[in-house]
Amino acid sequence: MSKTIYEYEVYEKEHKIQLEFWGGYIRHNILYRNKYDLEGNLIDHEHITENYAIMMYASFLEEGRYNN
C-alpha cells in the first residue's frame, strides 16, 4: 500500500478566447502545477503545458437568451 507524501495544485494562467479572422474561435491557456509537502510548504512549481485549441462550439451565449 502506497502512502501519499505530496499534494498538488494544478491551475491555469493567461486564459483567453480569441476570435480569428476566419470567423472561428481559438482557446488558449497555460497550465502549471504546484507541489506541496504534507505540511503545506511549496516545494516545487512546474510548467505543464500550453494549449491552443480550435473551438468546435459557440464560445459565448447570447445575452438574455437563456435567462428565465
C-alpha atoms as a PDB file:
ATOM      1  CA  MET A   1       0.000   0.000   0.000  1.00  0.00           C
ATOM      2  CA  SER A   2       1.410   3.382  -1.006  1.00  0.00           C
ATOM      3  CA  LYS A   3       1.410   6.449   1.205  1.00  0.00           C
ATOM      4  CA  THR A   4       0.647   9.943  -0.094  1.00  0.00           C
ATOM      5  CA  ILE A   5       3.609  12.212   0.540  1.00  0.00           C
ATOM      6  CA  TYR A   6       2.746  15.221  -1.659  1.00  0.00           C
ATOM      7  CA  GLU A   7      -0.265  17.327  -2.559  1.00  0.00           C
ATOM      8  CA  TYR A   8      -0.651  19.044  -5.936  1.00  0.00           C
ATOM      9  CA  GLU A   9      -2.485  22.102  -7.219  1.00  0.00           C
ATOM     10  CA  VAL A  10      -2.996  22.452 -10.988  1.00  0.00           C
ATOM     11  CA  TYR A  11      -4.062  25.856 -12.289  1.00  0.00           C
ATOM     12  CA  GLU A  12      -4.187  27.889 -15.475  1.00  0.00           C
ATOM     13  CA  LYS A  13      -2.827  31.314 -16.426  1.00  0.00           C
ATOM     14  CA  GLU A  14      -3.311  33.546 -19.452  1.00  0.00           C
ATOM     15  CA  HIS A  15      -6.682  32.048 -20.355  1.00  0.00           C
ATOM     16  CA  LYS A  16      -8.290  33.720 -23.362  1.00  0.00           C
ATOM     17  CA  ILE A  17     -10.763  33.029 -26.125  1.00  0.00           C
ATOM     18  CA  GLN A  18      -9.926  34.858 -29.325  1.00  0.00           C
ATOM     19  CA  LEU A  19     -11.977  35.468 -32.471  1.00  0.00           C
ATOM     20  CA  GLU A  20      -9.886  34.653 -35.542  1.00  0.00           C
ATOM     21  CA  PHE A  21     -10.060  36.275 -38.990  1.00  0.00           C
ATOM     22  CA  TRP A  22     -11.758  33.169 -40.457  1.00  0.00           C
ATOM     23  CA  GLY A  23     -14.735  33.506 -38.068  1.00  0.00           C
ATOM     24  CA  GLY A  24     -13.919  30.771 -35.541  1.00  0.00           C
ATOM     25  CA  TYR A  25     -12.511  30.944 -32.035  1.00  0.00           C
ATOM     26  CA  ILE A  26      -9.211  29.804 -30.549  1.00  0.00           C
ATOM     27  CA  ARG A  27      -8.898  28.991 -26.844  1.00  0.00           C
ATOM     28  CA  HIS A  28      -5.506  29.475 -25.196  1.00  0.00           C
ATOM     29  CA  ASN A  29      -4.184  28.814 -21.690  1.00  0.00           C
ATOM     30  CA  ILE A  30      -1.051  27.739 -19.853  1.00  0.00           C
ATOM     31  CA  LEU A  31      -1.172  25.039 -17.158  1.00  0.00           C
ATOM     32  CA  TYR A  32       1.066  24.986 -14.089  1.00  0.00           C
ATOM     33  CA  ARG A  33       1.398  22.707 -11.087  1.00  0.00           C
ATOM     34  CA  ASN A  34       2.430  23.480  -7.520  1.00  0.00           C
ATOM     35  CA  LYS A  35       3.761  20.643  -5.384  1.00  0.00           C
ATOM     36  CA  TYR A  36       3.387  20.772  -1.590  1.00  0.00           C
ATOM     37  CA  ASP A  37       4.665  18.638   1.234  1.00  0.00           C
ATOM     38  CA  LEU A  38       2.133  17.397   3.793  1.00  0.00           C
ATOM     39  CA  GLU A  39       2.751  20.452   5.998  1.00  0.00           C
ATOM     40  CA  GLY A  40       1.604  22.714   3.148  1.00  0.00           C
ATOM     41  CA  ASN A  41       5.028  24.045   2.190  1.00  0.00           C
ATOM     42  CA  LEU A  42       5.518  24.764  -1.505  1.00  0.00           C
ATOM     43  CA  ILE A  43       8.428  22.620  -2.679  1.00  0.00           C
ATOM     44  CA  ASP A  44       8.134  22.827  -6.482  1.00  0.00           C
ATOM     45  CA  HIS A  45       6.496  24.928  -9.187  1.00  0.00           C
ATOM     46  CA  GLU A  46       6.271  23.376 -12.652  1.00  0.00           C
ATOM     47  CA  HIS A  47       5.091  24.455 -16.105  1.00  0.00           C
ATOM     48  CA  ILE A  48       2.971  21.602 -17.503  1.00  0.00           C
ATOM     49  CA  THR A  49       1.789  22.634 -20.967  1.00  0.00           C
ATOM     50  CA  GLU A  50       0.471  25.413 -23.177  1.00  0.00           C
ATOM     51  CA  ASN A  51      -2.806  24.825 -25.016  1.00  0.00           C
ATOM     52  CA  TYR A  52      -4.077  26.288 -28.278  1.00  0.00           C
ATOM     53  CA  ALA A  53      -7.311  24.727 -29.473  1.00  0.00           C
ATOM     54  CA  ILE A  54      -9.841  25.476 -32.182  1.00  0.00           C
ATOM     55  CA  MET A  55     -13.226  25.605 -30.506  1.00  0.00           C
ATOM     56  CA  MET A  56     -15.831  23.443 -32.202  1.00  0.00           C
ATOM     57  CA  TYR A  57     -18.804  25.031 -30.435  1.00  0.00           C
ATOM     58  CA  ALA A  58     -20.240  28.508 -29.867  1.00  0.00           C
ATOM     59  CA  SER A  59     -17.956  30.139 -27.339  1.00  0.00           C
ATOM     60  CA  PHE A  60     -20.375  32.688 -25.872  1.00  0.00           C
ATOM     61  CA  LEU A  61     -24.071  32.624 -25.035  1.00  0.00           C
ATOM     62  CA  GLU A  62     -26.199  35.426 -26.372  1.00  0.00           C
ATOM     63  CA  GLU A  63     -27.033  37.859 -23.579  1.00  0.00           C
ATOM     64  CA  GLY A  64     -30.525  37.376 -22.185  1.00  0.00           C
ATOM     65  CA  ARG A  65     -31.382  34.430 -24.406  1.00  0.00           C
ATOM     66  CA  TYR A  66     -31.165  31.799 -21.661  1.00  0.00           C
ATOM     67  CA  ASN A  67     -32.480  33.817 -18.716  1.00  0.00           C
ATOM     68  CA  ASN A  68     -35.926  32.941 -17.337  1.00  0.00           C
END
